Full PDB file with SEQRES, HELIX, SHEET, SSBOND, CRYST1, ORIGX, SCALE, CONECT and MASTER records, all heavy atoms in Angstrom:
SEQRES   1 A   41  PRO PHE THR THR VAL ASP VAL VAL VAL ARG PRO ALA THR          
SEQRES   2 A   41  THR PRO VAL GLY ARG THR ILE THR ALA ALA ALA ARG VAL          
SEQRES   3 A   41  SER THR GLN VAL ALA ARG TRP GLU LEU SER ALA TRP ALA          
SEQRES   4 A   41  GLY ALA                                                      
SHEET    1 AA1 3 THR A   4  THR A  14  0                                        
SHEET    2 AA1 3 GLY A  17  VAL A  30 -1                                        
SHEET    3 AA1 3 TRP A  33  GLY A  40 -1                                        
CRYST1    1.000    1.000    1.000  90.00  90.00  90.00 P 1           1          
ORIGX1      1.000000  0.000000  0.000000        0.00000                         
ORIGX2      0.000000  1.000000  0.000000        0.00000                         
ORIGX3      0.000000  0.000000  1.000000        0.00000                         
SCALE1      1.000000  0.000000  0.000000        0.00000                         
SCALE2      0.000000  1.000000  0.000000        0.00000                         
SCALE3      0.000000  0.000000  1.000000        0.00000                         
ATOM      1  N   PRO A   1      44.754 -35.701 -44.730  1.00  0.00           N  
ATOM      2  CA  PRO A   1      44.651 -36.937 -43.957  1.00  0.00           C  
ATOM      3  C   PRO A   1      44.652 -36.707 -42.442  1.00  0.00           C  
ATOM      4  O   PRO A   1      44.046 -37.467 -41.694  1.00  0.00           O  
ATOM      5  CB  PRO A   1      45.887 -37.728 -44.391  1.00  0.00           C  
ATOM      6  CG  PRO A   1      46.259 -37.164 -45.714  1.00  0.00           C  
ATOM      7  CD  PRO A   1      45.891 -35.717 -45.665  1.00  0.00           C  
ATOM      8  N   PHE A   2      45.318 -35.633 -41.986  1.00  0.00           N  
ATOM      9  CA  PHE A   2      45.419 -35.389 -40.548  1.00  0.00           C  
ATOM     10  C   PHE A   2      44.970 -33.973 -40.161  1.00  0.00           C  
ATOM     11  O   PHE A   2      45.226 -33.532 -39.046  1.00  0.00           O  
ATOM     12  CB  PHE A   2      46.863 -35.603 -40.072  1.00  0.00           C  
ATOM     13  CG  PHE A   2      47.420 -36.951 -40.419  1.00  0.00           C  
ATOM     14  CD1 PHE A   2      48.340 -37.091 -41.436  1.00  0.00           C  
ATOM     15  CD2 PHE A   2      47.002 -38.083 -39.732  1.00  0.00           C  
ATOM     16  CE1 PHE A   2      48.855 -38.336 -41.763  1.00  0.00           C  
ATOM     17  CE2 PHE A   2      47.513 -39.333 -40.062  1.00  0.00           C  
ATOM     18  CZ  PHE A   2      48.432 -39.464 -41.078  1.00  0.00           C  
ATOM     19  N   THR A   3      44.306 -33.282 -41.062  1.00  0.00           N  
ATOM     20  CA  THR A   3      43.926 -31.893 -40.819  1.00  0.00           C  
ATOM     21  C   THR A   3      42.433 -31.715 -41.003  1.00  0.00           C  
ATOM     22  O   THR A   3      41.869 -32.107 -42.024  1.00  0.00           O  
ATOM     23  CB  THR A   3      44.667 -30.935 -41.759  1.00  0.00           C  
ATOM     24  OG1 THR A   3      46.076 -31.108 -41.590  1.00  0.00           O  
ATOM     25  CG2 THR A   3      44.299 -29.491 -41.465  1.00  0.00           C  
ATOM     26  N   THR A   4      41.779 -31.096 -39.985  1.00  0.00           N  
ATOM     27  CA  THR A   4      40.345 -30.851 -40.031  1.00  0.00           C  
ATOM     28  C   THR A   4      40.049 -29.433 -39.560  1.00  0.00           C  
ATOM     29  O   THR A   4      40.611 -28.975 -38.560  1.00  0.00           O  
ATOM     30  CB  THR A   4      39.580 -31.841 -39.128  1.00  0.00           C  
ATOM     31  OG1 THR A   4      39.859 -33.180 -39.543  1.00  0.00           O  
ATOM     32  CG2 THR A   4      38.075 -31.601 -39.215  1.00  0.00           C  
ATOM     33  N   VAL A   5      39.179 -28.756 -40.304  1.00  0.00           N  
ATOM     34  CA  VAL A   5      38.665 -27.452 -39.895  1.00  0.00           C  
ATOM     35  C   VAL A   5      37.205 -27.644 -39.501  1.00  0.00           C  
ATOM     36  O   VAL A   5      36.415 -28.194 -40.274  1.00  0.00           O  
ATOM     37  CB  VAL A   5      38.795 -26.412 -41.018  1.00  0.00           C  
ATOM     38  CG1 VAL A   5      38.219 -25.074 -40.568  1.00  0.00           C  
ATOM     39  CG2 VAL A   5      40.251 -26.251 -41.440  1.00  0.00           C  
ATOM     40  N   ASP A   6      36.838 -27.204 -38.300  1.00  0.00           N  
ATOM     41  CA  ASP A   6      35.518 -27.458 -37.736  1.00  0.00           C  
ATOM     42  C   ASP A   6      34.918 -26.135 -37.272  1.00  0.00           C  
ATOM     43  O   ASP A   6      35.511 -25.429 -36.444  1.00  0.00           O  
ATOM     44  CB  ASP A   6      35.667 -28.424 -36.548  1.00  0.00           C  
ATOM     45  CG  ASP A   6      34.347 -29.035 -36.112  1.00  0.00           C  
ATOM     46  OD1 ASP A   6      33.300 -28.696 -36.693  1.00  0.00           O  
ATOM     47  OD2 ASP A   6      34.368 -29.859 -35.182  1.00  0.00           O  
ATOM     48  N   VAL A   7      33.748 -25.791 -37.802  1.00  0.00           N  
ATOM     49  CA  VAL A   7      33.056 -24.563 -37.418  1.00  0.00           C  
ATOM     50  C   VAL A   7      31.700 -24.943 -36.834  1.00  0.00           C  
ATOM     51  O   VAL A   7      30.932 -25.679 -37.468  1.00  0.00           O  
ATOM     52  CB  VAL A   7      32.874 -23.615 -38.617  1.00  0.00           C  
ATOM     53  CG1 VAL A   7      32.134 -22.347 -38.182  1.00  0.00           C  
ATOM     54  CG2 VAL A   7      34.224 -23.259 -39.233  1.00  0.00           C  
ATOM     55  N   VAL A   8      31.388 -24.449 -35.629  1.00  0.00           N  
ATOM     56  CA  VAL A   8      30.148 -24.784 -34.942  1.00  0.00           C  
ATOM     57  C   VAL A   8      29.460 -23.505 -34.478  1.00  0.00           C  
ATOM     58  O   VAL A   8      30.105 -22.625 -33.898  1.00  0.00           O  
ATOM     59  CB  VAL A   8      30.404 -25.705 -33.732  1.00  0.00           C  
ATOM     60  CG1 VAL A   8      29.109 -25.946 -32.951  1.00  0.00           C  
ATOM     61  CG2 VAL A   8      31.001 -27.037 -34.177  1.00  0.00           C  
ATOM     62  N   VAL A   9      28.158 -23.420 -34.733  1.00  0.00           N  
ATOM     63  CA  VAL A   9      27.318 -22.345 -34.210  1.00  0.00           C  
ATOM     64  C   VAL A   9      26.218 -23.002 -33.393  1.00  0.00           C  
ATOM     65  O   VAL A   9      25.440 -23.799 -33.924  1.00  0.00           O  
ATOM     66  CB  VAL A   9      26.723 -21.475 -35.318  1.00  0.00           C  
ATOM     67  CG1 VAL A   9      25.808 -20.399 -34.714  1.00  0.00           C  
ATOM     68  CG2 VAL A   9      27.823 -20.825 -36.142  1.00  0.00           C  
ATOM     69  N   ARG A  10      26.173 -22.665 -32.095  1.00  0.00           N  
ATOM     70  CA  ARG A  10      25.227 -23.323 -31.200  1.00  0.00           C  
ATOM     71  C   ARG A  10      24.442 -22.306 -30.363  1.00  0.00           C  
ATOM     72  O   ARG A  10      24.999 -21.668 -29.474  1.00  0.00           O  
ATOM     73  CB  ARG A  10      25.977 -24.265 -30.252  1.00  0.00           C  
ATOM     74  CG  ARG A  10      25.079 -24.931 -29.219  1.00  0.00           C  
ATOM     75  CD  ARG A  10      25.833 -25.352 -27.996  1.00  0.00           C  
ATOM     76  NE  ARG A  10      24.945 -25.885 -26.973  1.00  0.00           N  
ATOM     77  CZ  ARG A  10      25.277 -26.081 -25.700  1.00  0.00           C  
ATOM     78  NH1 ARG A  10      26.490 -25.777 -25.301  1.00  0.00           N  
ATOM     79  NH2 ARG A  10      24.405 -26.551 -24.831  1.00  0.00           N  
ATOM     80  N   PRO A  11      23.153 -22.136 -30.629  1.00  0.00           N  
ATOM     81  CA  PRO A  11      22.317 -21.362 -29.704  1.00  0.00           C  
ATOM     82  C   PRO A  11      21.905 -22.252 -28.542  1.00  0.00           C  
ATOM     83  O   PRO A  11      21.681 -23.445 -28.709  1.00  0.00           O  
ATOM     84  CB  PRO A  11      21.111 -20.969 -30.568  1.00  0.00           C  
ATOM     85  CG  PRO A  11      21.021 -22.061 -31.589  1.00  0.00           C  
ATOM     86  CD  PRO A  11      22.417 -22.575 -31.821  1.00  0.00           C  
ATOM     87  N   ALA A  12      21.813 -21.681 -27.366  1.00  0.00           N  
ATOM     88  CA  ALA A  12      21.477 -22.477 -26.185  1.00  0.00           C  
ATOM     89  C   ALA A  12      20.546 -21.695 -25.271  1.00  0.00           C  
ATOM     90  O   ALA A  12      20.636 -20.463 -25.168  1.00  0.00           O  
ATOM     91  CB  ALA A  12      22.745 -22.875 -25.415  1.00  0.00           C  
ATOM     92  N   THR A  13      19.653 -22.432 -24.629  1.00  0.00           N  
ATOM     93  CA  THR A  13      18.791 -21.867 -23.598  1.00  0.00           C  
ATOM     94  C   THR A  13      19.213 -22.477 -22.275  1.00  0.00           C  
ATOM     95  O   THR A  13      18.992 -23.660 -22.039  1.00  0.00           O  
ATOM     96  CB  THR A  13      17.312 -22.162 -23.884  1.00  0.00           C  
ATOM     97  OG1 THR A  13      16.956 -21.620 -25.160  1.00  0.00           O  
ATOM     98  CG2 THR A  13      16.421 -21.551 -22.818  1.00  0.00           C  
ATOM     99  N   THR A  14      19.848 -21.696 -21.424  1.00  0.00           N  
ATOM    100  CA  THR A  14      20.403 -22.181 -20.171  1.00  0.00           C  
ATOM    101  C   THR A  14      19.657 -21.558 -18.995  1.00  0.00           C  
ATOM    102  O   THR A  14      18.907 -20.597 -19.168  1.00  0.00           O  
ATOM    103  CB  THR A  14      21.899 -21.840 -20.069  1.00  0.00           C  
ATOM    104  OG1 THR A  14      22.044 -20.439 -19.785  1.00  0.00           O  
ATOM    105  CG2 THR A  14      22.627 -22.164 -21.361  1.00  0.00           C  
ATOM    106  N   PRO A  15      19.869 -22.059 -17.775  1.00  0.00           N  
ATOM    107  CA  PRO A  15      19.213 -21.459 -16.612  1.00  0.00           C  
ATOM    108  C   PRO A  15      19.582 -20.002 -16.366  1.00  0.00           C  
ATOM    109  O   PRO A  15      18.902 -19.311 -15.615  1.00  0.00           O  
ATOM    110  CB  PRO A  15      19.691 -22.347 -15.451  1.00  0.00           C  
ATOM    111  CG  PRO A  15      19.996 -23.664 -16.081  1.00  0.00           C  
ATOM    112  CD  PRO A  15      20.549 -23.317 -17.429  1.00  0.00           C  
ATOM    113  N   VAL A  16      20.665 -19.520 -16.993  1.00  0.00           N  
ATOM    114  CA  VAL A  16      21.075 -18.126 -16.801  1.00  0.00           C  
ATOM    115  C   VAL A  16      20.858 -17.295 -18.064  1.00  0.00           C  
ATOM    116  O   VAL A  16      21.418 -16.210 -18.196  1.00  0.00           O  
ATOM    117  CB  VAL A  16      22.548 -18.054 -16.357  1.00  0.00           C  
ATOM    118  CG1 VAL A  16      22.703 -18.598 -14.950  1.00  0.00           C  
ATOM    119  CG2 VAL A  16      23.452 -18.812 -17.316  1.00  0.00           C  
ATOM    120  N   GLY A  17      20.030 -17.797 -18.980  1.00  0.00           N  
ATOM    121  CA  GLY A  17      19.685 -17.018 -20.167  1.00  0.00           C  
ATOM    122  C   GLY A  17      20.062 -17.696 -21.467  1.00  0.00           C  
ATOM    123  O   GLY A  17      20.703 -18.750 -21.490  1.00  0.00           O  
ATOM    124  N   ARG A  18      19.639 -17.069 -22.565  1.00  0.00           N  
ATOM    125  CA  ARG A  18      19.959 -17.572 -23.899  1.00  0.00           C  
ATOM    126  C   ARG A  18      21.320 -17.072 -24.355  1.00  0.00           C  
ATOM    127  O   ARG A  18      21.653 -15.907 -24.145  1.00  0.00           O  
ATOM    128  CB  ARG A  18      18.883 -17.137 -24.891  1.00  0.00           C  
ATOM    129  CG  ARG A  18      17.511 -17.737 -24.605  1.00  0.00           C  
ATOM    130  CD  ARG A  18      16.520 -17.379 -25.683  1.00  0.00           C  
ATOM    131  NE  ARG A  18      15.232 -18.038 -25.450  1.00  0.00           N  
ATOM    132  CZ  ARG A  18      14.188 -17.941 -26.274  1.00  0.00           C  
ATOM    133  NH1 ARG A  18      14.275 -17.201 -27.373  1.00  0.00           N  
ATOM    134  NH2 ARG A  18      13.068 -18.579 -25.992  1.00  0.00           N  
ATOM    135  N   THR A  19      22.076 -17.965 -24.951  1.00  0.00           N  
ATOM    136  CA  THR A  19      23.434 -17.618 -25.363  1.00  0.00           C  
ATOM    137  C   THR A  19      23.719 -18.171 -26.755  1.00  0.00           C  
ATOM    138  O   THR A  19      22.988 -19.022 -27.279  1.00  0.00           O  
ATOM    139  CB  THR A  19      24.476 -18.194 -24.385  1.00  0.00           C  
ATOM    140  OG1 THR A  19      24.414 -19.634 -24.432  1.00  0.00           O  
ATOM    141  CG2 THR A  19      24.232 -17.711 -22.968  1.00  0.00           C  
ATOM    142  N   ILE A  20      24.795 -17.666 -27.333  1.00  0.00           N  
ATOM    143  CA  ILE A  20      25.289 -18.166 -28.622  1.00  0.00           C  
ATOM    144  C   ILE A  20      26.747 -18.586 -28.457  1.00  0.00           C  
ATOM    145  O   ILE A  20      27.557 -17.860 -27.878  1.00  0.00           O  
ATOM    146  CB  ILE A  20      25.188 -17.088 -29.714  1.00  0.00           C  
ATOM    147  CG1 ILE A  20      23.727 -16.802 -30.062  1.00  0.00           C  
ATOM    148  CG2 ILE A  20      25.931 -17.535 -30.972  1.00  0.00           C  
ATOM    149  CD1 ILE A  20      23.043 -17.924 -30.817  1.00  0.00           C  
ATOM    150  N   THR A  21      27.051 -19.773 -28.946  1.00  0.00           N  
ATOM    151  CA  THR A  21      28.430 -20.225 -29.063  1.00  0.00           C  
ATOM    152  C   THR A  21      28.750 -20.344 -30.545  1.00  0.00           C  
ATOM    153  O   THR A  21      28.058 -21.061 -31.279  1.00  0.00           O  
ATOM    154  CB  THR A  21      28.632 -21.582 -28.369  1.00  0.00           C  
ATOM    155  OG1 THR A  21      28.474 -21.425 -26.958  1.00  0.00           O  
ATOM    156  CG2 THR A  21      30.017 -22.143 -28.659  1.00  0.00           C  
ATOM    157  N   ALA A  22      29.759 -19.629 -31.003  1.00  0.00           N  
ATOM    158  CA  ALA A  22      30.165 -19.658 -32.408  1.00  0.00           C  
ATOM    159  C   ALA A  22      31.691 -19.664 -32.448  1.00  0.00           C  
ATOM    160  O   ALA A  22      32.323 -18.672 -32.055  1.00  0.00           O  
ATOM    161  CB  ALA A  22      29.609 -18.465 -33.170  1.00  0.00           C  
ATOM    162  N   ALA A  23      32.262 -20.763 -32.883  1.00  0.00           N  
ATOM    163  CA  ALA A  23      33.716 -20.895 -32.831  1.00  0.00           C  
ATOM    164  C   ALA A  23      34.209 -21.781 -33.963  1.00  0.00           C  
ATOM    165  O   ALA A  23      33.451 -22.594 -34.514  1.00  0.00           O  
ATOM    166  CB  ALA A  23      34.160 -21.461 -31.489  1.00  0.00           C  
ATOM    167  N   ALA A  24      35.485 -21.615 -34.297  1.00  0.00           N  
ATOM    168  CA  ALA A  24      36.133 -22.420 -35.332  1.00  0.00           C  
ATOM    169  C   ALA A  24      37.357 -23.093 -34.739  1.00  0.00           C  
ATOM    170  O   ALA A  24      38.101 -22.470 -33.961  1.00  0.00           O  
ATOM    171  CB  ALA A  24      36.533 -21.558 -36.519  1.00  0.00           C  
ATOM    172  N   ARG A  25      37.570 -24.344 -35.120  1.00  0.00           N  
ATOM    173  CA  ARG A  25      38.689 -25.136 -34.589  1.00  0.00           C  
ATOM    174  C   ARG A  25      39.473 -25.763 -35.731  1.00  0.00           C  
ATOM    175  O   ARG A  25      38.898 -26.241 -36.728  1.00  0.00           O  
ATOM    176  CB  ARG A  25      38.156 -26.236 -33.671  1.00  0.00           C  
ATOM    177  CG  ARG A  25      39.225 -27.143 -33.042  1.00  0.00           C  
ATOM    178  CD  ARG A  25      38.553 -28.160 -32.136  1.00  0.00           C  
ATOM    179  NE  ARG A  25      39.480 -28.930 -31.343  1.00  0.00           N  
ATOM    180  CZ  ARG A  25      39.862 -30.180 -31.632  1.00  0.00           C  
ATOM    181  NH1 ARG A  25      39.392 -30.771 -32.722  1.00  0.00           N  
ATOM    182  NH2 ARG A  25      40.703 -30.831 -30.843  1.00  0.00           N  
ATOM    183  N   VAL A  26      40.777 -25.782 -35.581  1.00  0.00           N  
ATOM    184  CA  VAL A  26      41.668 -26.445 -36.534  1.00  0.00           C  
ATOM    185  C   VAL A  26      42.469 -27.489 -35.768  1.00  0.00           C  
ATOM    186  O   VAL A  26      43.034 -27.200 -34.710  1.00  0.00           O  
ATOM    187  CB  VAL A  26      42.626 -25.442 -37.209  1.00  0.00           C  
ATOM    188  CG1 VAL A  26      43.584 -26.181 -38.142  1.00  0.00           C  
ATOM    189  CG2 VAL A  26      41.855 -24.381 -37.969  1.00  0.00           C  
ATOM    190  N   SER A  27      42.499 -28.695 -36.292  1.00  0.00           N  
ATOM    191  CA  SER A  27      43.323 -29.760 -35.701  1.00  0.00           C  
ATOM    192  C   SER A  27      44.188 -30.366 -36.793  1.00  0.00           C  
ATOM    193  O   SER A  27      43.741 -30.545 -37.932  1.00  0.00           O  
ATOM    194  CB  SER A  27      42.442 -30.835 -35.057  1.00  0.00           C  
ATOM    195  OG  SER A  27      41.575 -31.419 -36.009  1.00  0.00           O  
ATOM    196  N   THR A  28      45.423 -30.677 -36.453  1.00  0.00           N  
ATOM    197  CA  THR A  28      46.348 -31.225 -37.434  1.00  0.00           C  
ATOM    198  C   THR A  28      47.424 -32.033 -36.730  1.00  0.00           C  
ATOM    199  O   THR A  28      47.477 -32.077 -35.489  1.00  0.00           O  
ATOM    200  CB  THR A  28      46.988 -30.100 -38.273  1.00  0.00           C  
ATOM    201  OG1 THR A  28      47.720 -30.674 -39.368  1.00  0.00           O  
ATOM    202  CG2 THR A  28      47.928 -29.258 -37.420  1.00  0.00           C  
ATOM    203  N   GLN A  29      48.262 -32.674 -37.490  1.00  0.00           N  
ATOM    204  CA  GLN A  29      49.376 -33.449 -36.955  1.00  0.00           C  
ATOM    205  C   GLN A  29      50.656 -32.995 -37.630  1.00  0.00           C  
ATOM    206  O   GLN A  29      50.732 -32.928 -38.870  1.00  0.00           O  
ATOM    207  CB  GLN A  29      49.172 -34.948 -37.170  1.00  0.00           C  
ATOM    208  CG  GLN A  29      50.291 -35.803 -36.597  1.00  0.00           C  
ATOM    209  CD  GLN A  29      49.966 -37.284 -36.615  1.00  0.00           C  
ATOM    210  OE1 GLN A  29      48.817 -37.676 -36.450  1.00  0.00           O  
ATOM    211  NE2 GLN A  29      50.991 -38.115 -36.810  1.00  0.00           N  
ATOM    212  N   VAL A  30      51.644 -32.659 -36.828  1.00  0.00           N  
ATOM    213  CA  VAL A  30      52.956 -32.253 -37.319  1.00  0.00           C  
ATOM    214  C   VAL A  30      53.983 -33.166 -36.681  1.00  0.00           C  
ATOM    215  O   VAL A  30      54.169 -33.142 -35.454  1.00  0.00           O  
ATOM    216  CB  VAL A  30      53.253 -30.776 -36.976  1.00  0.00           C  
ATOM    217  CG1 VAL A  30      54.645 -30.403 -37.471  1.00  0.00           C  
ATOM    218  CG2 VAL A  30      52.201 -29.862 -37.569  1.00  0.00           C  
ATOM    219  N   ALA A  31      54.627 -33.992 -37.523  1.00  0.00           N  
ATOM    220  CA  ALA A  31      55.563 -35.004 -37.016  1.00  0.00           C  
ATOM    221  C   ALA A  31      54.829 -35.867 -35.997  1.00  0.00           C  
ATOM    222  O   ALA A  31      53.817 -36.468 -36.313  1.00  0.00           O  
ATOM    223  CB  ALA A  31      56.805 -34.343 -36.448  1.00  0.00           C  
ATOM    224  N   ARG A  32      55.297 -35.923 -34.757  1.00  0.00           N  
ATOM    225  CA  ARG A  32      54.638 -36.739 -33.732  1.00  0.00           C  
ATOM    226  C   ARG A  32      53.717 -35.920 -32.835  1.00  0.00           C  
ATOM    227  O   ARG A  32      53.252 -36.411 -31.809  1.00  0.00           O  
ATOM    228  CB  ARG A  32      55.701 -37.433 -32.872  1.00  0.00           C  
ATOM    229  CG  ARG A  32      56.556 -38.429 -33.656  1.00  0.00           C  
ATOM    230  CD  ARG A  32      57.532 -39.132 -32.734  1.00  0.00           C  
ATOM    231  NE  ARG A  32      58.358 -40.089 -33.457  1.00  0.00           N  
ATOM    232  CZ  ARG A  32      59.282 -40.854 -32.885  1.00  0.00           C  
ATOM    233  NH1 ARG A  32      59.498 -40.750 -31.577  1.00  0.00           N  
ATOM    234  NH2 ARG A  32      60.004 -41.697 -33.612  1.00  0.00           N  
ATOM    235  N   TRP A  33      53.451 -34.696 -33.214  1.00  0.00           N  
ATOM    236  CA  TRP A  33      52.615 -33.810 -32.411  1.00  0.00           C  
ATOM    237  C   TRP A  33      51.223 -33.720 -33.015  1.00  0.00           C  
ATOM    238  O   TRP A  33      51.066 -33.459 -34.206  1.00  0.00           O  
ATOM    239  CB  TRP A  33      53.233 -32.415 -32.340  1.00  0.00           C  
ATOM    240  CG  TRP A  33      54.565 -32.364 -31.664  1.00  0.00           C  
ATOM    241  CD1 TRP A  33      55.786 -32.620 -32.238  1.00  0.00           C  
ATOM    242  CD2 TRP A  33      54.817 -32.049 -30.303  1.00  0.00           C  
ATOM    243  NE1 TRP A  33      56.782 -32.475 -31.314  1.00  0.00           N  
ATOM    244  CE2 TRP A  33      56.220 -32.124 -30.114  1.00  0.00           C  
ATOM    245  CE3 TRP A  33      54.009 -31.703 -29.226  1.00  0.00           C  
ATOM    246  CZ2 TRP A  33      56.819 -31.864 -28.879  1.00  0.00           C  
ATOM    247  CZ3 TRP A  33      54.608 -31.438 -28.000  1.00  0.00           C  
ATOM    248  CH2 TRP A  33      56.000 -31.524 -27.839  1.00  0.00           C  
ATOM    249  N   GLU A  34      50.207 -33.919 -32.182  1.00  0.00           N  
ATOM    250  CA  GLU A  34      48.826 -33.639 -32.580  1.00  0.00           C  
ATOM    251  C   GLU A  34      48.436 -32.300 -31.971  1.00  0.00           C  
ATOM    252  O   GLU A  34      48.436 -32.143 -30.736  1.00  0.00           O  
ATOM    253  CB  GLU A  34      47.878 -34.743 -32.091  1.00  0.00           C  
ATOM    254  CG  GLU A  34      48.157 -36.099 -32.727  1.00  0.00           C  
ATOM    255  CD  GLU A  34      47.213 -37.173 -32.212  1.00  0.00           C  
ATOM    256  OE1 GLU A  34      46.127 -36.809 -31.683  1.00  0.00           O  
ATOM    257  OE2 GLU A  34      47.562 -38.360 -32.317  1.00  0.00           O  
ATOM    258  N   LEU A  35      48.119 -31.327 -32.816  1.00  0.00           N  
ATOM    259  CA  LEU A  35      47.886 -29.961 -32.379  1.00  0.00           C  
ATOM    260  C   LEU A  35      46.468 -29.526 -32.724  1.00  0.00           C  
ATOM    261  O   LEU A  35      45.899 -29.936 -33.747  1.00  0.00           O  
ATOM    262  CB  LEU A  35      48.886 -29.009 -33.036  1.00  0.00           C  
ATOM    263  CG  LEU A  35      50.374 -29.384 -32.912  1.00  0.00           C  
ATOM    264  CD1 LEU A  35      51.214 -28.454 -33.754  1.00  0.00           C  
ATOM    265  CD2 LEU A  35      50.803 -29.339 -31.454  1.00  0.00           C  
ATOM    266  N   SER A  36      45.896 -28.685 -31.891  1.00  0.00           N  
ATOM    267  CA  SER A  36      44.574 -28.130 -32.161  1.00  0.00           C  
ATOM    268  C   SER A  36      44.471 -26.751 -31.537  1.00  0.00           C  
ATOM    269  O   SER A  36      45.163 -26.434 -30.564  1.00  0.00           O  
ATOM    270  CB  SER A  36      43.468 -29.045 -31.628  1.00  0.00           C  
ATOM    271  OG  SER A  36      43.495 -29.098 -30.210  1.00  0.00           O  
ATOM    272  N   ALA A  37      43.585 -25.931 -32.102  1.00  0.00           N  
ATOM    273  CA  ALA A  37      43.320 -24.606 -31.548  1.00  0.00           C  
ATOM    274  C   ALA A  37      41.941 -24.167 -32.003  1.00  0.00           C  
ATOM    275  O   ALA A  37      41.516 -24.473 -33.118  1.00  0.00           O  
ATOM    276  CB  ALA A  37      44.373 -23.597 -32.005  1.00  0.00           C  
ATOM    277  N   TRP A  38      41.231 -23.479 -31.121  1.00  0.00           N  
ATOM    278  CA  TRP A  38      39.948 -22.910 -31.503  1.00  0.00           C  
ATOM    279  C   TRP A  38      39.810 -21.511 -30.927  1.00  0.00           C  
ATOM    280  O   TRP A  38      40.456 -21.151 -29.939  1.00  0.00           O  
ATOM    281  CB  TRP A  38      38.773 -23.800 -31.105  1.00  0.00           C  
ATOM    282  CG  TRP A  38      38.543 -24.069 -29.641  1.00  0.00           C  
ATOM    283  CD1 TRP A  38      38.830 -25.212 -28.960  1.00  0.00           C  
ATOM    284  CD2 TRP A  38      37.933 -23.192 -28.685  1.00  0.00           C  
ATOM    285  NE1 TRP A  38      38.461 -25.113 -27.648  1.00  0.00           N  
ATOM    286  CE2 TRP A  38      37.901 -23.888 -27.438  1.00  0.00           C  
ATOM    287  CE3 TRP A  38      37.411 -21.899 -28.728  1.00  0.00           C  
ATOM    288  CZ2 TRP A  38      37.377 -23.313 -26.274  1.00  0.00           C  
ATOM    289  CZ3 TRP A  38      36.891 -21.332 -27.572  1.00  0.00           C  
ATOM    290  CH2 TRP A  38      36.869 -22.032 -26.367  1.00  0.00           C  
ATOM    291  N   ALA A  39      38.929 -20.711 -31.559  1.00  0.00           N  
ATOM    292  CA  ALA A  39      38.668 -19.352 -31.103  1.00  0.00           C  
ATOM    293  C   ALA A  39      37.261 -18.968 -31.524  1.00  0.00           C  
ATOM    294  O   ALA A  39      36.727 -19.474 -32.515  1.00  0.00           O  
ATOM    295  CB  ALA A  39      39.691 -18.375 -31.682  1.00  0.00           C  
ATOM    296  N   GLY A  40      36.673 -18.074 -30.738  1.00  0.00           N  
ATOM    297  CA  GLY A  40      35.328 -17.604 -31.055  1.00  0.00           C  
ATOM    298  C   GLY A  40      34.628 -17.097 -29.813  1.00  0.00           C  
ATOM    299  O   GLY A  40      35.267 -16.621 -28.868  1.00  0.00           O  
ATOM    300  N   ALA A  41      33.306 -17.217 -29.812  1.00  0.00           N  
ATOM    301  CA  ALA A  41      32.484 -16.793 -28.682  1.00  0.00           C  
ATOM    302  C   ALA A  41      31.874 -18.022 -28.035  1.00  0.00           C  
ATOM    303  O   ALA A  41      31.266 -18.849 -28.722  1.00  0.00           O  
ATOM    304  CB  ALA A  41      31.385 -15.839 -29.144  1.00  0.00           C  
TER     305      ALA A  41                                                      
MASTER        0    0    0    0    3    0    0    6  304    1    0    4          
END                                                                             
């Protein structure tokens, strides 16, 4: 009910070159705290 795992892979063409963003994020709720963290490139 309060926990989501989100994985995104995004290729991009920017003014400074082509890049890849690939990261995973977890968000959840513990008591009265809403917490999230992500890691990747």
